[in-house]
Protein backbone atom coordinates (compact mmCIF):
# COMPACT_ATOMS: atom_id res chain seq x y z
CA MET A 1 13.47 -21.61 -4.67
CA SER A 2 15.90 -19.19 -3.20
CA THR A 3 14.78 -15.60 -2.72
CA HIS A 4 17.00 -12.95 -4.30
CA ARG A 5 17.10 -9.85 -2.16
CA ARG A 6 18.67 -6.52 -2.76
CA THR A 7 18.60 -3.51 -0.48
CA ALA A 8 18.98 0.06 -1.64
CA LEU A 9 20.37 2.41 1.03
CA LEU A 10 19.75 6.08 0.64
CA ARG A 11 21.97 8.85 2.06
CA THR A 12 22.02 12.59 1.98
CA THR A 13 23.57 15.44 3.95
CA ALA A 14 21.99 16.80 7.12
CA VAL A 15 20.96 20.42 6.88
CA SER A 16 19.67 23.21 9.08
CA ALA A 17 17.66 26.28 8.23
CA LEU A 18 16.43 29.40 10.00
CA VAL A 19 12.69 29.85 9.57
CA GLY A 20 10.74 32.63 11.26
CA GLY A 21 13.56 33.13 13.79
CA ALA A 22 13.53 29.45 14.85
CA LEU A 23 16.48 27.20 14.15
CA LEU A 24 15.44 23.92 12.62
CA ILE A 25 17.52 21.11 14.11
CA PRO A 26 19.63 19.31 11.47
CA ALA A 27 18.24 15.96 10.41
CA ALA A 28 20.80 14.15 12.51
CA GLY A 29 21.33 10.61 11.29
CA ALA A 30 19.19 11.15 8.21
CA PHE A 31 20.55 8.86 5.51
CA ALA A 32 23.54 8.28 7.77
CA ASP A 33 26.64 6.39 6.70
CA SER A 34 25.74 3.49 8.97
CA PRO A 35 24.00 0.81 6.90
CA ALA A 36 20.45 -0.25 7.49
CA PRO A 37 19.97 -3.76 8.96
CA GLU A 38 20.71 -6.49 6.43
CA PRO A 39 18.01 -9.03 5.50
CA THR A 40 18.52 -12.43 7.11
CA ALA A 41 16.85 -14.68 4.55
CA SER A 42 18.95 -17.11 2.52
CA GLY A 43 20.08 -15.98 -0.88
CA THR A 44 20.89 -12.47 0.35
CA GLN A 45 22.89 -10.49 -2.18
CA ALA A 46 25.00 -7.38 -1.94
CA PRO A 47 23.10 -4.11 -1.40
CA ASP A 48 21.72 -2.39 -4.47
CA THR A 49 23.22 0.87 -5.75
CA THR A 50 22.91 3.86 -3.45
CA GLY A 51 20.15 6.36 -4.27
CA THR A 52 20.87 10.08 -4.31
CA PRO A 53 18.49 12.95 -3.57
CA SER A 54 17.06 14.59 -6.67
CA GLN A 55 16.39 17.83 -4.80
CA LYS A 56 17.72 19.63 -1.72
CA PRO A 57 15.44 20.17 1.30
CA THR A 58 13.79 23.57 1.28
CA GLN A 59 13.40 26.03 4.15
CA LYS A 60 9.69 25.24 4.40
CA ALA A 61 10.03 21.48 4.98
CA GLU A 62 12.78 18.94 4.97
CA VAL A 63 11.61 16.61 2.20
CA TYR A 64 14.04 14.48 0.21
CA GLU A 65 13.11 12.88 -3.10
CA VAL A 66 15.20 9.89 -4.13
CA THR A 67 15.17 7.29 -6.89
CA LEU A 68 15.36 3.66 -5.74
CA GLY A 69 17.23 0.89 -7.52
CA ASN A 70 14.12 -0.35 -9.34
CA GLY A 71 13.17 3.12 -10.61
CA ALA A 72 10.53 3.82 -7.94
CA LYS A 73 10.58 7.20 -6.20
CA ALA A 74 10.57 7.91 -2.47
CA LYS A 75 9.75 11.21 -0.77
CA ILE A 76 11.21 11.15 2.72
CA GLN A 77 10.36 13.61 5.48
CA ASN A 78 11.54 14.09 9.06
CA ARG A 79 8.59 14.26 11.43
CA GLY A 80 9.75 14.98 14.95
CA GLY A 81 12.85 12.80 14.86
CA ALA A 82 11.27 9.85 13.02
CA TYR A 83 11.05 9.53 9.27
CA VAL A 84 8.12 8.82 6.96
CA ALA A 85 8.41 7.95 3.29
CA THR A 86 5.93 8.04 0.43
CA ILE A 87 6.65 5.39 -2.22
CA VAL A 88 5.68 6.22 -5.80
CA VAL A 89 5.79 3.56 -8.56
CA LYS A 90 5.26 4.56 -12.19
CA GLY A 91 3.90 7.93 -11.11
CA LYS A 92 1.35 6.48 -8.67
CA GLN A 93 1.62 6.60 -4.89
CA ILE A 94 1.36 3.09 -3.42
CA ALA A 95 1.92 3.74 0.29
CA THR A 96 3.26 5.97 3.02
CA LEU A 97 5.70 4.14 5.29
CA SER A 98 6.28 5.06 8.93
CA SER A 99 7.44 3.56 12.22
CA THR A 100 4.04 1.88 12.68
CA HIS A 101 3.78 0.76 9.03
CA PRO A 102 7.39 0.32 7.85
CA THR A 103 6.81 -2.08 4.94
CA VAL A 104 4.67 -2.49 1.84
CA THR A 105 4.74 -5.02 -0.98
CA SER A 106 3.74 -4.11 -4.53
CA GLY A 107 4.44 -5.73 -7.88
CA GLY A 108 6.72 -8.38 -6.38
CA VAL A 109 8.89 -5.82 -4.59
CA ARG A 110 8.99 -5.25 -0.83
CA TYR A 111 9.81 -1.70 0.32
CA GLU A 112 10.99 -1.13 3.90
CA LEU A 113 11.61 2.11 5.79
CA TYR A 114 14.08 2.34 8.65
CA PRO A 115 12.37 5.22 10.52
CA SER A 116 15.33 6.10 12.75
CA ASN A 117 17.60 7.13 9.86
CA GLY A 118 15.39 7.40 6.76
CA HIS A 119 16.96 4.49 4.87
CA ILE A 120 14.78 2.63 2.36
CA GLY A 121 15.36 -1.03 1.55
CA ILE A 122 13.94 -2.86 -1.47
CA THR A 123 13.68 -6.64 -1.78
CA TYR A 124 12.76 -8.55 -4.94
CA LEU A 125 10.44 -11.32 -3.71
CA ASN A 126 10.15 -13.35 -6.91
CA GLY A 127 13.81 -13.51 -7.87
CA LYS A 128 13.82 -10.91 -10.63
CA ASP A 129 16.00 -7.83 -10.46
CA LYS A 130 15.83 -4.39 -11.96
CA LYS A 131 17.58 -5.55 -15.13
CA ASP A 132 14.61 -7.62 -16.33
CA ASP A 133 11.76 -5.54 -14.87
CA GLY A 134 11.16 -3.66 -18.10
CA LYS A 135 11.31 -6.76 -20.25
CA LYS A 136 8.77 -8.66 -18.22
CA ALA A 137 6.50 -5.65 -17.85
CA SER A 138 6.45 -5.12 -21.61
CA GLN A 139 5.18 -8.68 -22.11
CA GLN A 140 2.07 -8.08 -20.02
CA ALA A 141 -0.95 -6.91 -21.96
CA ASP A 142 -3.05 -4.11 -20.53
CA PRO A 143 -6.40 -5.36 -19.16
CA PRO A 144 -9.63 -4.10 -20.73
CA LYS A 145 -11.04 -0.97 -19.12
CA ASP A 146 -14.11 -2.81 -17.85
CA SER A 147 -12.01 -5.43 -16.09
CA PRO A 148 -11.78 -5.18 -12.28
CA THR A 149 -7.99 -5.52 -12.63
CA ALA A 150 -7.56 -2.29 -14.61
CA GLY A 151 -5.74 0.66 -13.07
CA GLY A 152 -3.31 -0.99 -10.68
CA ASP A 153 -0.39 -3.33 -10.06
CA ALA A 154 -0.22 -7.10 -10.51
CA VAL A 155 -3.28 -9.11 -9.44
CA ALA A 156 -3.12 -10.22 -5.82
CA ASP A 157 -3.13 -14.01 -5.57
CA PRO A 158 -5.60 -15.16 -2.87
CA SER A 159 -4.05 -18.66 -2.83
CA GLU A 160 -0.89 -17.17 -1.30
CA ASP A 161 -2.75 -15.88 1.78
CA PRO A 162 -2.15 -18.27 4.71
CA SER A 163 -5.11 -16.80 6.61
CA ALA A 164 -7.63 -17.98 4.01
CA PRO A 165 -10.20 -20.46 5.41
CA PRO A 166 -10.49 -23.97 3.93
CA ALA A 167 -12.57 -24.42 0.78
CA ASP A 168 -15.30 -26.33 2.65
CA ALA A 169 -15.60 -23.79 5.47
CA THR A 170 -18.91 -22.87 7.06
CA TYR A 171 -19.75 -19.27 8.00
CA THR A 172 -21.31 -17.59 11.03
CA LEU A 173 -22.55 -14.00 10.87
CA VAL A 174 -20.58 -11.76 13.26
CA PHE A 175 -22.17 -8.40 12.44
CA GLU A 176 -24.20 -6.89 9.59
CA ASN A 177 -24.34 -3.50 7.85
CA LYS A 178 -22.01 -1.52 10.10
CA PRO A 179 -21.41 1.90 8.46
CA MET A 180 -17.88 2.63 7.20
CA THR A 181 -16.69 5.71 5.29
CA LEU A 182 -13.25 6.07 3.69
CA ARG A 183 -12.35 9.69 2.95
CA THR A 184 -9.56 10.86 0.66
CA PRO A 185 -6.33 11.40 2.65
CA ALA A 186 -5.45 15.09 2.89
CA GLY A 187 -1.94 15.05 1.42
CA SER A 188 0.65 13.07 -0.50
CA LEU A 189 2.38 11.93 2.71
CA ASP A 190 -0.84 10.83 4.42
CA THR A 191 -2.21 7.29 4.50
CA THR A 192 -5.46 5.91 5.90
CA TYR A 193 -5.51 2.30 7.16
CA ILE A 194 -8.61 0.10 7.23
CA ASP A 195 -9.38 -2.95 9.39
CA LEU A 196 -12.50 -4.73 8.13
CA ASP A 197 -12.77 -7.08 11.11
CA THR A 198 -13.97 -4.24 13.39
CA PRO A 199 -14.53 -2.25 11.11
CA LYS A 200 -12.12 0.62 11.76
CA VAL A 201 -10.77 3.47 9.61
CA ASP A 202 -7.57 5.11 10.87
CA PRO A 203 -6.36 8.31 9.14
CA THR A 204 -3.70 8.96 11.81
CA GLY A 205 -1.29 6.12 10.96
CA SER A 206 -1.44 4.66 14.48
CA MET A 207 -3.04 1.34 13.51
CA ASP A 208 -0.69 -1.63 13.77
CA SER A 209 0.33 -2.96 10.37
CA GLU A 210 -0.87 -6.45 11.32
CA GLU A 211 -4.42 -5.12 11.78
CA ALA A 212 -4.76 -3.33 8.44
CA ASP A 213 -6.48 -5.18 5.59
CA PHE A 214 -5.92 -2.38 3.06
CA HIS A 215 -4.83 1.24 2.99
CA ALA A 216 -5.46 4.40 1.01
CA GLY A 217 -3.15 7.11 -0.22
CA TYR A 218 -4.55 10.24 -1.77
CA GLN A 219 -4.34 8.69 -5.26
CA GLU A 220 -4.63 4.95 -4.72
CA LEU A 221 -6.04 2.04 -2.76
CA SER A 222 -3.53 -0.71 -1.89
CA PHE A 223 -4.70 -4.14 -0.74
CA ASP A 224 -2.85 -6.23 1.85
CA HIS A 225 -5.20 -9.13 1.02
CA ALA A 226 -7.07 -9.80 -2.21
CA MET A 227 -10.26 -7.75 -2.60
CA GLY A 228 -12.78 -8.33 -5.35
CA LYS A 229 -16.38 -7.83 -6.40
CA ALA A 230 -19.03 -10.35 -5.37
CA SER A 231 -22.04 -11.31 -7.46
CA GLY A 232 -24.26 -11.64 -4.39
CA THR A 233 -24.48 -11.02 -0.67
CA THR A 234 -23.97 -14.45 0.89
CA ALA A 235 -20.73 -15.37 2.63
CA LYS A 236 -19.95 -17.97 -0.04
CA GLN A 237 -20.55 -15.49 -2.88
CA CYS A 238 -18.46 -12.90 -1.07
CA ARG A 239 -15.51 -15.25 -0.66
CA GLU A 240 -15.79 -16.30 -4.30
CA GLY A 241 -15.65 -12.63 -5.32
CA ALA A 242 -12.48 -12.08 -3.34
CA GLU A 243 -10.77 -15.20 -4.64
CA GLN A 244 -12.08 -15.41 -8.21
CA ASN A 245 -12.63 -11.78 -9.21
CA PRO A 246 -9.97 -9.74 -7.37
CA PHE A 247 -8.69 -6.29 -8.14
CA ARG A 248 -5.01 -5.82 -8.72
CA GLU A 249 -2.79 -5.17 -5.69
CA SER A 250 -3.63 -1.49 -6.06
CA LEU A 251 -6.45 0.54 -7.61
CA SER A 252 -5.97 4.15 -8.68
CA GLY A 253 -8.32 7.05 -8.13
CA GLU A 254 -8.44 7.51 -11.89
CA ALA A 255 -9.64 3.90 -12.35
CA ILE A 256 -12.44 4.49 -9.85
CA ASN A 257 -13.50 7.96 -11.05
CA LYS A 258 -13.13 7.53 -14.81
CA ALA A 259 -13.32 3.77 -15.46
CA GLN A 260 -15.87 3.28 -12.65
CA GLN A 261 -14.07 0.32 -11.15
CA ILE A 262 -16.02 0.97 -7.93
CA VAL A 263 -19.63 2.21 -8.13
CA LYS A 264 -22.64 2.51 -5.86
CA GLY A 265 -24.11 -0.92 -5.16
CA ASP A 266 -20.84 -2.87 -5.46
CA HIS A 267 -20.17 -5.60 -2.92
CA LEU A 268 -16.40 -5.49 -2.28
CA CYS A 269 -15.21 -8.62 -0.51
CA MET A 270 -12.04 -9.81 1.20
CA VAL A 271 -10.78 -12.68 3.32
CA THR A 272 -9.23 -10.62 6.12
CA GLY A 273 -5.95 -11.12 7.92
CA GLU A 274 -7.89 -12.89 10.70
CA GLY A 275 -9.43 -15.33 8.22
CA ASN A 276 -12.91 -13.80 8.29
CA VAL A 277 -14.98 -12.97 5.21
CA ALA A 278 -15.81 -9.26 4.99
CA MET A 279 -18.19 -7.51 2.59
CA TRP A 280 -18.11 -3.74 2.10
CA THR A 281 -21.27 -2.68 0.28
CA ILE A 282 -20.80 0.71 -1.38
CA THR A 283 -23.68 3.12 -0.84
CA ALA A 284 -22.07 6.29 -2.25
CA VAL A 285 -19.04 7.31 -4.34
CA GLU A 286 -18.24 11.01 -4.00
CA PRO A 287 -15.61 11.99 -6.59
CA PRO A 288 -13.08 14.76 -5.91
CA ASN A 289 -12.48 17.77 -8.15
CA ASP A 290 -9.24 16.19 -9.38
CA LYS A 291 -10.20 12.83 -10.91
CA ASP A 292 -6.72 11.43 -10.22
CA TYR A 293 -7.45 11.53 -6.47
CA LEU A 294 -9.43 8.89 -4.60
CA PRO A 295 -13.12 9.62 -4.10
CA ASP A 296 -14.80 9.40 -0.72
CA LEU A 297 -16.29 5.91 -0.43
CA LYS A 298 -19.26 5.30 1.86
CA GLY A 299 -20.81 1.96 2.67
CA THR A 300 -21.63 -0.73 5.19
CA VAL A 301 -19.60 -3.73 6.32
CA THR A 302 -20.86 -7.26 7.01
CA LEU A 303 -18.55 -9.87 8.53
CA TRP A 304 -18.70 -13.67 8.72
CA GLU A 305 -16.47 -15.90 10.82
CA SER A 306 -15.35 -19.06 9.04
CA SER A 307 -14.82 -22.52 10.48
CA ALA A 308 -13.82 -25.86 8.97
């Protein structure tokens, strides 16, 4: 099946401002007229319509808000000559893109940041375009509030993960009950990345995108591989939880705080990007004052290596 791809290029005018006696350098090349690199996959189509900024940059910070071709929003900021972009879909932040993490996939759409000029590209991975998004979305019933798929995007399909071990795999314990705490990112442009194979939590954005198994914005968890709840604590039960009872591709702070999609005692499991089986056992959920934000999640990680 051919892949239909469309890329939305965003442009705006470079500006300068005088703040506290210091001249802010114009955002040279920001949303420049030169196009972002074209996708190389077969079935490539003409670029999508050009987005336009919905607000001018202020004197306090150069932040551009644009509407992408599929209706998603992007807030783009110049940080020392390189650009970062926060992607918001249906009012919920799904990711912050940067030079170290330039892409994210959500709801069948791939978003890509070109950090040198601030362009954002969108690619429709399943062949649908923005004209039928609303129609298909309206045909999907909302999940019950007690379902682990409530409060996020489409369910991640574990069968599509090439790193998944074979069904008859055997498991060897690598480590057990290593502490891991995920704290709410400080701001709307901040993202924390998590590697369960170590485990490692990186709030600085320096972790390579190939290492991260999931990431957290200040309002949402987004999963690079399917994560679900396990009914027990063995490696087999953990893998079954990830593959048979997964969350959606993203899980909002509201779903955790109000619908209690994650609670103390949960065993959250994932087949990692390295093909290992990881279990994050939650020992504490510390909700924020604003229930739309992610709570602090504390727990321990156990990891098994799989072999055929």
